[in-house]
């Protein structure tokens, strides 16, 4: 069951968020907390807008890493899902390895990738791909398995090929699952790219956060986090819009079934 956020209910979230920010601002000012420990939200916003071109420059690098990593994650996740579903011996051997791959922390892999591939873009892209392919693969497998066996048997009895069954039945049935996994992967890939930049990079928001933290410019660190949050929201919103456009046929079917 999916939980949809209705626009008319967003005011509750906005109210709660505003209250938390207000408490943060008051706590910092009344407690005389030094800005190198915890800056006030107003100070973070000033830094964010005054240095916006710099954040956009580093954000573009991180976004490029995320886009490439997410593309590789989608291709790899869908390919693995198809292999697991259609090649049963391979699937029985591969599925436990897919689950086991998530037991290895990304921090343990990222330094090796930097050692092998250098400080360029590809270590971050691979980390983003590794961290994003799992929800795509698992959701795609569940989507392929969601088709009822009786329907497949009926189509086989009519002489339909497996390719035709996949194109007309399995792919549309698995598309909602795939897009749900893509929502998770889009945000996780941003985390993966940032982790890769922490390990070794010369540009990007993760690199900028480490650089600002070394200078005790915590306000700039929070401004970079704000930029990452905005990018994450844009990625999630983009996938949500894609889901809304691709699944219009499903909503029409639901409306027709509700009509008397």
C-alpha atoms as a PDB file:
ATOM      1  CA  UNK A   1       0.000   0.000   0.000  1.00  0.00           C
ATOM      2  CA  UNK A   2       1.499   3.311  -1.079  1.00  0.00           C
ATOM      3  CA  UNK A   3       1.210   6.416   1.002  1.00  0.00           C
ATOM      4  CA  UNK A   4       0.512   9.459  -1.140  1.00  0.00           C
ATOM      5  CA  UNK A   5       1.212  12.978   0.083  1.00  0.00           C
ATOM      6  CA  UNK A   6      -1.762  15.169  -0.725  1.00  0.00           C
ATOM      7  CA  UNK A   7      -1.029  18.845  -1.451  1.00  0.00           C
ATOM      8  CA  UNK A   8      -3.728  20.038   0.958  1.00  0.00           C
ATOM      9  CA  UNK A   9      -2.073  18.098   3.769  1.00  0.00           C
ATOM     10  CA  UNK A  10       1.393  19.591   3.204  1.00  0.00           C
ATOM     11  CA  UNK A  11       0.562  22.511   5.470  1.00  0.00           C
ATOM     12  CA  UNK A  12       0.935  20.223   8.487  1.00  0.00           C
ATOM     13  CA  UNK A  13       4.432  19.271   7.378  1.00  0.00           C
ATOM     14  CA  UNK A  14       5.292  22.913   6.676  1.00  0.00           C
ATOM     15  CA  UNK A  15       3.975  23.944  10.089  1.00  0.00           C
ATOM     16  CA  UNK A  16       5.973  21.266  11.915  1.00  0.00           C
ATOM     17  CA  UNK A  17       9.126  22.072   9.936  1.00  0.00           C
ATOM     18  CA  UNK A  18       8.745  25.806  10.646  1.00  0.00           C
ATOM     19  CA  UNK A  19       8.307  25.086  14.351  1.00  0.00           C
ATOM     20  CA  UNK A  20      11.470  22.973  14.453  1.00  0.00           C
ATOM     21  CA  UNK A  21      13.469  25.648  12.604  1.00  0.00           C
ATOM     22  CA  UNK A  22      12.151  28.304  14.988  1.00  0.00           C
ATOM     23  CA  UNK A  23      13.159  26.243  18.030  1.00  0.00           C
ATOM     24  CA  UNK A  24      16.587  25.715  16.465  1.00  0.00           C
ATOM     25  CA  UNK A  25      17.012  29.449  15.857  1.00  0.00           C
ATOM     26  CA  UNK A  26      15.915  30.366  19.373  1.00  0.00           C
ATOM     27  CA  UNK A  27      18.055  27.665  20.988  1.00  0.00           C
ATOM     28  CA  UNK A  28      21.194  28.836  19.185  1.00  0.00           C
ATOM     29  CA  UNK A  29      20.605  32.512  19.940  1.00  0.00           C
ATOM     30  CA  UNK A  30      19.510  32.131  23.558  1.00  0.00           C
ATOM     31  CA  UNK A  31      22.185  29.554  24.283  1.00  0.00           C
ATOM     32  CA  UNK A  32      24.901  31.651  22.613  1.00  0.00           C
ATOM     33  CA  UNK A  33      26.087  28.598  20.673  1.00  0.00           C
ATOM     34  CA  UNK A  34      29.202  29.393  18.595  1.00  0.00           C
ATOM     35  CA  UNK A  35      28.602  29.197  14.823  1.00  0.00           C
ATOM     36  CA  UNK A  36      31.486  26.729  14.424  1.00  0.00           C
ATOM     37  CA  UNK A  37      29.516  24.308  16.640  1.00  0.00           C
ATOM     38  CA  UNK A  38      25.946  24.842  15.445  1.00  0.00           C
ATOM     39  CA  UNK A  39      25.005  27.802  13.231  1.00  0.00           C
ATOM     40  CA  UNK A  40      21.543  29.317  13.284  1.00  0.00           C
ATOM     41  CA  UNK A  41      19.189  28.531  10.357  1.00  0.00           C
ATOM     42  CA  UNK A  42      19.192  32.206   9.380  1.00  0.00           C
ATOM     43  CA  UNK A  43      22.982  32.152   9.073  1.00  0.00           C
ATOM     44  CA  UNK A  44      22.823  28.961   6.962  1.00  0.00           C
ATOM     45  CA  UNK A  45      20.329  30.562   4.580  1.00  0.00           C
ATOM     46  CA  UNK A  46      22.496  33.680   4.240  1.00  0.00           C
ATOM     47  CA  UNK A  47      25.520  31.543   3.368  1.00  0.00           C
ATOM     48  CA  UNK A  48      23.440  29.442   0.976  1.00  0.00           C
ATOM     49  CA  UNK A  49      22.150  32.390  -1.033  1.00  0.00           C
ATOM     50  CA  UNK A  50      25.354  34.461  -0.962  1.00  0.00           C
ATOM     51  CA  UNK A  51      27.437  31.503  -2.195  1.00  0.00           C
ATOM     52  CA  UNK A  52      24.752  29.969  -4.391  1.00  0.00           C
ATOM     53  CA  UNK A  53      26.897  29.888  -7.589  1.00  0.00           C
ATOM     54  CA  UNK A  54      29.543  27.858  -5.756  1.00  0.00           C
ATOM     55  CA  UNK A  55      26.974  25.389  -4.448  1.00  0.00           C
ATOM     56  CA  UNK A  56      25.444  25.087  -7.903  1.00  0.00           C
ATOM     57  CA  UNK A  57      28.867  24.391  -9.377  1.00  0.00           C
ATOM     58  CA  UNK A  58      29.620  21.583  -6.917  1.00  0.00           C
ATOM     59  CA  UNK A  59      26.010  20.381  -7.056  1.00  0.00           C
ATOM     60  CA  UNK A  60      26.227  19.971 -10.833  1.00  0.00           C
ATOM     61  CA  UNK A  61      29.215  17.642 -10.388  1.00  0.00           C
ATOM     62  CA  UNK A  62      27.384  15.552  -7.789  1.00  0.00           C
ATOM     63  CA  UNK A  63      24.244  15.468  -9.926  1.00  0.00           C
ATOM     64  CA  UNK A  64      26.221  14.219 -12.939  1.00  0.00           C
ATOM     65  CA  UNK A  65      27.664  11.420 -10.804  1.00  0.00           C
ATOM     66  CA  UNK A  66      24.193  10.535  -9.575  1.00  0.00           C
ATOM     67  CA  UNK A  67      22.709  10.518 -13.087  1.00  0.00           C
ATOM     68  CA  UNK A  68      25.380   8.176 -14.433  1.00  0.00           C
ATOM     69  CA  UNK A  69      25.289   5.961 -11.344  1.00  0.00           C
ATOM     70  CA  UNK A  70      21.519   5.753 -11.398  1.00  0.00           C
ATOM     71  CA  UNK A  71      21.535   4.871 -15.105  1.00  0.00           C
ATOM     72  CA  UNK A  72      24.016   2.055 -14.453  1.00  0.00           C
ATOM     73  CA  UNK A  73      21.968   0.944 -11.454  1.00  0.00           C
ATOM     74  CA  UNK A  74      18.795   0.751 -13.542  1.00  0.00           C
ATOM     75  CA  UNK A  75      20.477  -1.192 -16.352  1.00  0.00           C
ATOM     76  CA  UNK A  76      22.202  -3.545 -13.923  1.00  0.00           C
ATOM     77  CA  UNK A  77      19.181  -3.966 -11.665  1.00  0.00           C
ATOM     78  CA  UNK A  78      16.745  -4.702 -14.495  1.00  0.00           C
ATOM     79  CA  UNK A  79      19.253  -7.027 -16.188  1.00  0.00           C
ATOM     80  CA  UNK A  80      19.865  -8.976 -12.985  1.00  0.00           C
ATOM     81  CA  UNK A  81      16.118  -9.166 -12.310  1.00  0.00           C
ATOM     82  CA  UNK A  82      15.450 -10.620 -15.763  1.00  0.00           C
ATOM     83  CA  UNK A  83      18.289 -13.114 -15.340  1.00  0.00           C
ATOM     84  CA  UNK A  84      17.028 -14.197 -11.910  1.00  0.00           C
ATOM     85  CA  UNK A  85      13.463 -14.595 -13.162  1.00  0.00           C
ATOM     86  CA  UNK A  86      14.000 -16.297 -16.514  1.00  0.00           C
ATOM     87  CA  UNK A  87      17.109 -18.403 -15.841  1.00  0.00           C
ATOM     88  CA  UNK A  88      16.104 -20.363 -12.762  1.00  0.00           C
ATOM     89  CA  UNK A  89      19.460 -22.070 -12.002  1.00  0.00           C
ATOM     90  CA  UNK A  90      21.223 -18.740 -12.346  1.00  0.00           C
ATOM     91  CA  UNK A  91      18.547 -17.047 -10.258  1.00  0.00           C
ATOM     92  CA  UNK A  92      18.860 -19.572  -7.434  1.00  0.00           C
ATOM     93  CA  UNK A  93      22.605 -18.951  -7.331  1.00  0.00           C
ATOM     94  CA  UNK A  94      22.492 -15.199  -7.930  1.00  0.00           C
ATOM     95  CA  UNK A  95      19.689 -14.050  -5.625  1.00  0.00           C
ATOM     96  CA  UNK A  96      21.555 -14.850  -2.362  1.00  0.00           C
ATOM     97  CA  UNK A  97      24.581 -13.010  -3.748  1.00  0.00           C
ATOM     98  CA  UNK A  98      22.394  -9.961  -4.441  1.00  0.00           C
ATOM     99  CA  UNK A  99      21.175  -9.996  -0.855  1.00  0.00           C
ATOM    100  CA  UNK A 100      24.685 -10.601   0.457  1.00  0.00           C
ATOM    101  CA  UNK A 101      26.060  -7.656  -1.515  1.00  0.00           C
ATOM    102  CA  UNK A 102      24.081  -5.334   0.741  1.00  0.00           C
ATOM    103  CA  UNK A 103      25.911  -6.638   3.804  1.00  0.00           C
ATOM    104  CA  UNK A 104      29.157  -5.030   2.589  1.00  0.00           C
ATOM    105  CA  UNK A 105      29.361  -1.376   3.720  1.00  0.00           C
ATOM    106  CA  UNK A 106      29.874   1.111   0.913  1.00  0.00           C
ATOM    107  CA  UNK A 107      32.621   2.766   2.969  1.00  0.00           C
ATOM    108  CA  UNK A 108      34.618  -0.463   2.620  1.00  0.00           C
ATOM    109  CA  UNK A 109      34.406  -0.417  -1.182  1.00  0.00           C
ATOM    110  CA  UNK A 110      34.819   3.279  -1.942  1.00  0.00           C
ATOM    111  CA  UNK A 111      38.529   3.544  -0.937  1.00  0.00           C
ATOM    112  CA  UNK A 112      39.345   0.592  -3.174  1.00  0.00           C
ATOM    113  CA  UNK A 113      37.567   2.195  -6.106  1.00  0.00           C
ATOM    114  CA  UNK A 114      39.516   5.397  -5.584  1.00  0.00           C
ATOM    115  CA  UNK A 115      42.740   3.367  -5.446  1.00  0.00           C
ATOM    116  CA  UNK A 116      41.900   1.538  -8.673  1.00  0.00           C
ATOM    117  CA  UNK A 117      40.255   4.344 -10.654  1.00  0.00           C
ATOM    118  CA  UNK A 118      41.730   7.521  -9.202  1.00  0.00           C
ATOM    119  CA  UNK A 119      40.012  10.734  -8.117  1.00  0.00           C
ATOM    120  CA  UNK A 120      37.891  11.175 -11.236  1.00  0.00           C
ATOM    121  CA  UNK A 121      34.176  10.775 -11.635  1.00  0.00           C
ATOM    122  CA  UNK A 122      33.998   6.991 -12.033  1.00  0.00           C
ATOM    123  CA  UNK A 123      34.571   5.874  -8.419  1.00  0.00           C
ATOM    124  CA  UNK A 124      31.615   8.015  -7.353  1.00  0.00           C
ATOM    125  CA  UNK A 125      29.500   6.773 -10.252  1.00  0.00           C
ATOM    126  CA  UNK A 126      30.192   3.135  -9.376  1.00  0.00           C
ATOM    127  CA  UNK A 127      29.415   3.704  -5.689  1.00  0.00           C
ATOM    128  CA  UNK A 128      26.113   5.353  -6.673  1.00  0.00           C
ATOM    129  CA  UNK A 129      25.336   2.437  -8.999  1.00  0.00           C
ATOM    130  CA  UNK A 130      26.177  -0.184  -6.371  1.00  0.00           C
ATOM    131  CA  UNK A 131      24.015   1.457  -3.756  1.00  0.00           C
ATOM    132  CA  UNK A 132      21.052   2.009  -6.107  1.00  0.00           C
ATOM    133  CA  UNK A 133      20.816  -1.251  -8.078  1.00  0.00           C
ATOM    134  CA  UNK A 134      19.513  -3.328  -5.149  1.00  0.00           C
ATOM    135  CA  UNK A 135      16.047  -1.705  -4.702  1.00  0.00           C
ATOM    136  CA  UNK A 136      15.600  -1.711  -8.476  1.00  0.00           C
ATOM    137  CA  UNK A 137      16.533  -5.389  -8.849  1.00  0.00           C
ATOM    138  CA  UNK A 138      14.426  -6.589  -5.906  1.00  0.00           C
ATOM    139  CA  UNK A 139      11.353  -4.573  -6.905  1.00  0.00           C
ATOM    140  CA  UNK A 140      11.645  -5.664 -10.537  1.00  0.00           C
ATOM    141  CA  UNK A 141      11.846  -9.325  -9.475  1.00  0.00           C
ATOM    142  CA  UNK A 142       8.746  -8.907  -7.316  1.00  0.00           C
ATOM    143  CA  UNK A 143       6.961  -7.228 -10.214  1.00  0.00           C
ATOM    144  CA  UNK A 144       7.777 -10.049 -12.620  1.00  0.00           C
ATOM    145  CA  UNK A 145       6.571 -12.580 -10.081  1.00  0.00           C
ATOM    146  CA  UNK A 146       3.330 -10.685  -9.443  1.00  0.00           C
ATOM    147  CA  UNK A 147       1.709 -11.948 -12.660  1.00  0.00           C
ATOM    148  CA  UNK A 148      -0.721 -14.780 -11.932  1.00  0.00           C
ATOM    149  CA  UNK A 149       0.292 -18.185 -13.260  1.00  0.00           C
ATOM    150  CA  UNK A 150      -3.210 -18.906 -14.571  1.00  0.00           C
ATOM    151  CA  UNK A 151      -3.037 -15.872 -16.857  1.00  0.00           C
ATOM    152  CA  UNK A 152       0.341 -16.940 -18.242  1.00  0.00           C
ATOM    153  CA  UNK A 153      -0.904 -20.489 -18.818  1.00  0.00           C
ATOM    154  CA  UNK A 154      -3.959 -19.141 -20.623  1.00  0.00           C
ATOM    155  CA  UNK A 155      -1.817 -16.964 -22.909  1.00  0.00           C
ATOM    156  CA  UNK A 156       0.478 -19.908 -23.625  1.00  0.00           C
ATOM    157  CA  UNK A 157      -2.547 -21.972 -24.573  1.00  0.00           C
ATOM    158  CA  UNK A 158      -3.445 -19.292 -27.110  1.00  0.00           C
ATOM    159  CA  UNK A 159       0.006 -19.613 -28.670  1.00  0.00           C
ATOM    160  CA  UNK A 160       1.530 -16.427 -27.255  1.00  0.00           C
ATOM    161  CA  UNK A 161       5.325 -16.400 -27.126  1.00  0.00           C
ATOM    162  CA  UNK A 162       7.233 -15.615 -23.949  1.00  0.00           C
ATOM    163  CA  UNK A 163       8.403 -12.331 -25.467  1.00  0.00           C
ATOM    164  CA  UNK A 164       4.818 -11.313 -26.183  1.00  0.00           C
ATOM    165  CA  UNK A 165       3.748 -12.275 -22.659  1.00  0.00           C
ATOM    166  CA  UNK A 166       6.607 -10.210 -21.257  1.00  0.00           C
ATOM    167  CA  UNK A 167       5.791  -7.198 -23.427  1.00  0.00           C
ATOM    168  CA  UNK A 168       2.028  -7.227 -22.906  1.00  0.00           C
ATOM    169  CA  UNK A 169       1.673  -8.635 -19.379  1.00  0.00           C
ATOM    170  CA  UNK A 170       4.812  -8.941 -17.296  1.00  0.00           C
ATOM    171  CA  UNK A 171       6.369  -5.576 -18.159  1.00  0.00           C
ATOM    172  CA  UNK A 172       3.201  -3.515 -17.456  1.00  0.00           C
ATOM    173  CA  UNK A 173       2.647  -5.479 -14.227  1.00  0.00           C
ATOM    174  CA  UNK A 174       6.227  -4.924 -13.049  1.00  0.00           C
ATOM    175  CA  UNK A 175       6.386  -1.246 -14.014  1.00  0.00           C
ATOM    176  CA  UNK A 176       4.775   0.049 -10.766  1.00  0.00           C
ATOM    177  CA  UNK A 177       7.230  -2.063  -8.751  1.00  0.00           C
ATOM    178  CA  UNK A 178      10.168  -0.828 -10.828  1.00  0.00           C
ATOM    179  CA  UNK A 179       9.207   2.826 -10.408  1.00  0.00           C
ATOM    180  CA  UNK A 180       8.778   2.375  -6.655  1.00  0.00           C
ATOM    181  CA  UNK A 181      12.281   0.941  -6.499  1.00  0.00           C
ATOM    182  CA  UNK A 182      13.528   3.803  -8.663  1.00  0.00           C
ATOM    183  CA  UNK A 183      12.209   6.299  -6.099  1.00  0.00           C
ATOM    184  CA  UNK A 184      14.335   4.702  -3.409  1.00  0.00           C
ATOM    185  CA  UNK A 185      17.319   4.305  -5.741  1.00  0.00           C
ATOM    186  CA  UNK A 186      17.206   7.979  -6.784  1.00  0.00           C
ATOM    187  CA  UNK A 187      17.746   9.161  -3.216  1.00  0.00           C
ATOM    188  CA  UNK A 188      20.214   6.399  -2.331  1.00  0.00           C
ATOM    189  CA  UNK A 189      22.355   7.182  -5.374  1.00  0.00           C
ATOM    190  CA  UNK A 190      22.767  10.725  -4.049  1.00  0.00           C
ATOM    191  CA  UNK A 191      24.017   9.261  -0.764  1.00  0.00           C
ATOM    192  CA  UNK A 192      26.389   6.966  -2.654  1.00  0.00           C
ATOM    193  CA  UNK A 193      27.872   9.777  -4.729  1.00  0.00           C
ATOM    194  CA  UNK A 194      28.391  11.912  -1.624  1.00  0.00           C
ATOM    195  CA  UNK A 195      30.121   9.044   0.187  1.00  0.00           C
ATOM    196  CA  UNK A 196      32.393   8.560  -2.807  1.00  0.00           C
ATOM    197  CA  UNK A 197      33.288  12.259  -2.718  1.00  0.00           C
ATOM    198  CA  UNK A 198      34.103  12.003   0.979  1.00  0.00           C
ATOM    199  CA  UNK A 199      36.590   9.227   0.252  1.00  0.00           C
ATOM    200  CA  UNK A 200      38.358  10.970  -2.593  1.00  0.00           C
ATOM    201  CA  UNK A 201      37.349  13.813  -4.887  1.00  0.00           C
ATOM    202  CA  UNK A 202      38.406  17.207  -6.131  1.00  0.00           C
ATOM    203  CA  UNK A 203      34.911  18.576  -6.761  1.00  0.00           C
ATOM    204  CA  UNK A 204      31.347  17.936  -5.642  1.00  0.00           C
ATOM    205  CA  UNK A 205      29.227  18.704  -2.596  1.00  0.00           C
ATOM    206  CA  UNK A 206      30.779  15.891  -0.563  1.00  0.00           C
ATOM    207  CA  UNK A 207      34.245  17.287  -1.227  1.00  0.00           C
ATOM    208  CA  UNK A 208      33.047  20.793  -0.382  1.00  0.00           C
ATOM    209  CA  UNK A 209      31.593  19.594   2.930  1.00  0.00           C
ATOM    210  CA  UNK A 210      34.933  18.088   3.986  1.00  0.00           C
ATOM    211  CA  UNK A 211      36.790  21.225   2.888  1.00  0.00           C
ATOM    212  CA  UNK A 212      34.443  23.547   4.800  1.00  0.00           C
ATOM    213  CA  UNK A 213      34.495  21.297   7.864  1.00  0.00           C
ATOM    214  CA  UNK A 214      38.307  21.417   7.940  1.00  0.00           C
ATOM    215  CA  UNK A 215      38.043  25.229   8.064  1.00  0.00           C
ATOM    216  CA  UNK A 216      35.399  25.025  10.846  1.00  0.00           C
ATOM    217  CA  UNK A 217      32.875  26.654   8.493  1.00  0.00           C
ATOM    218  CA  UNK A 218      29.984  24.587   9.777  1.00  0.00           C
ATOM    219  CA  UNK A 219      27.506  27.038   8.267  1.00  0.00           C
ATOM    220  CA  UNK A 220      28.858  26.142   4.831  1.00  0.00           C
ATOM    221  CA  UNK A 221      28.603  22.448   5.680  1.00  0.00           C
ATOM    222  CA  UNK A 222      24.931  22.899   6.526  1.00  0.00           C
ATOM    223  CA  UNK A 223      24.409  24.953   3.361  1.00  0.00           C
ATOM    224  CA  UNK A 224      25.886  22.071   1.345  1.00  0.00           C
ATOM    225  CA  UNK A 225      23.544  19.677   3.173  1.00  0.00           C
ATOM    226  CA  UNK A 226      20.666  21.977   2.229  1.00  0.00           C
ATOM    227  CA  UNK A 227      21.777  21.786  -1.408  1.00  0.00           C
ATOM    228  CA  UNK A 228      21.886  17.978  -1.213  1.00  0.00           C
ATOM    229  CA  UNK A 229      18.401  17.973   0.297  1.00  0.00           C
ATOM    230  CA  UNK A 230      17.077  20.097  -2.560  1.00  0.00           C
ATOM    231  CA  UNK A 231      18.725  17.804  -5.114  1.00  0.00           C
ATOM    232  CA  UNK A 232      17.252  14.755  -3.386  1.00  0.00           C
ATOM    233  CA  UNK A 233      13.800  16.313  -3.467  1.00  0.00           C
ATOM    234  CA  UNK A 234      14.195  17.106  -7.157  1.00  0.00           C
ATOM    235  CA  UNK A 235      15.221  13.522  -7.931  1.00  0.00           C
ATOM    236  CA  UNK A 236      12.342  12.066  -5.948  1.00  0.00           C
ATOM    237  CA  UNK A 237       9.887  14.507  -7.512  1.00  0.00           C
ATOM    238  CA  UNK A 238      11.185  13.719 -10.999  1.00  0.00           C
ATOM    239  CA  UNK A 239      10.660   9.992 -10.520  1.00  0.00           C
ATOM    240  CA  UNK A 240       7.219  10.659  -9.024  1.00  0.00           C
ATOM    241  CA  UNK A 241       6.287  12.707 -12.100  1.00  0.00           C
ATOM    242  CA  UNK A 242       7.593   9.923 -14.356  1.00  0.00           C
ATOM    243  CA  UNK A 243       5.529   7.416 -12.389  1.00  0.00           C
ATOM    244  CA  UNK A 244       2.433   9.587 -12.733  1.00  0.00           C
ATOM    245  CA  UNK A 245       2.841   9.864 -16.503  1.00  0.00           C
ATOM    246  CA  UNK A 246       3.707   6.209 -17.173  1.00  0.00           C
ATOM    247  CA  UNK A 247       0.955   4.774 -14.988  1.00  0.00           C
ATOM    248  CA  UNK A 248      -1.937   6.847 -16.304  1.00  0.00           C
ATOM    249  CA  UNK A 249      -3.427   3.674 -17.811  1.00  0.00           C
ATOM    250  CA  UNK A 250      -3.509   2.118 -14.352  1.00  0.00           C
ATOM    251  CA  UNK A 251      -5.339   5.075 -12.816  1.00  0.00           C
ATOM    252  CA  UNK A 252      -7.872   5.056 -15.665  1.00  0.00           C
ATOM    253  CA  UNK A 253      -8.520   1.373 -15.030  1.00  0.00           C
ATOM    254  CA  UNK A 254      -9.022   1.997 -11.320  1.00  0.00           C
ATOM    255  CA  UNK A 255     -11.502   4.810 -12.045  1.00  0.00           C
ATOM    256  CA  UNK A 256     -13.436   2.644 -14.491  1.00  0.00           C
ATOM    257  CA  UNK A 257     -13.706  -0.156 -11.927  1.00  0.00           C
ATOM    258  CA  UNK A 258     -15.059   2.278  -9.332  1.00  0.00           C
ATOM    259  CA  UNK A 259     -17.790   3.524 -11.642  1.00  0.00           C
ATOM    260  CA  UNK A 260     -21.155   1.697 -11.286  1.00  0.00           C
END
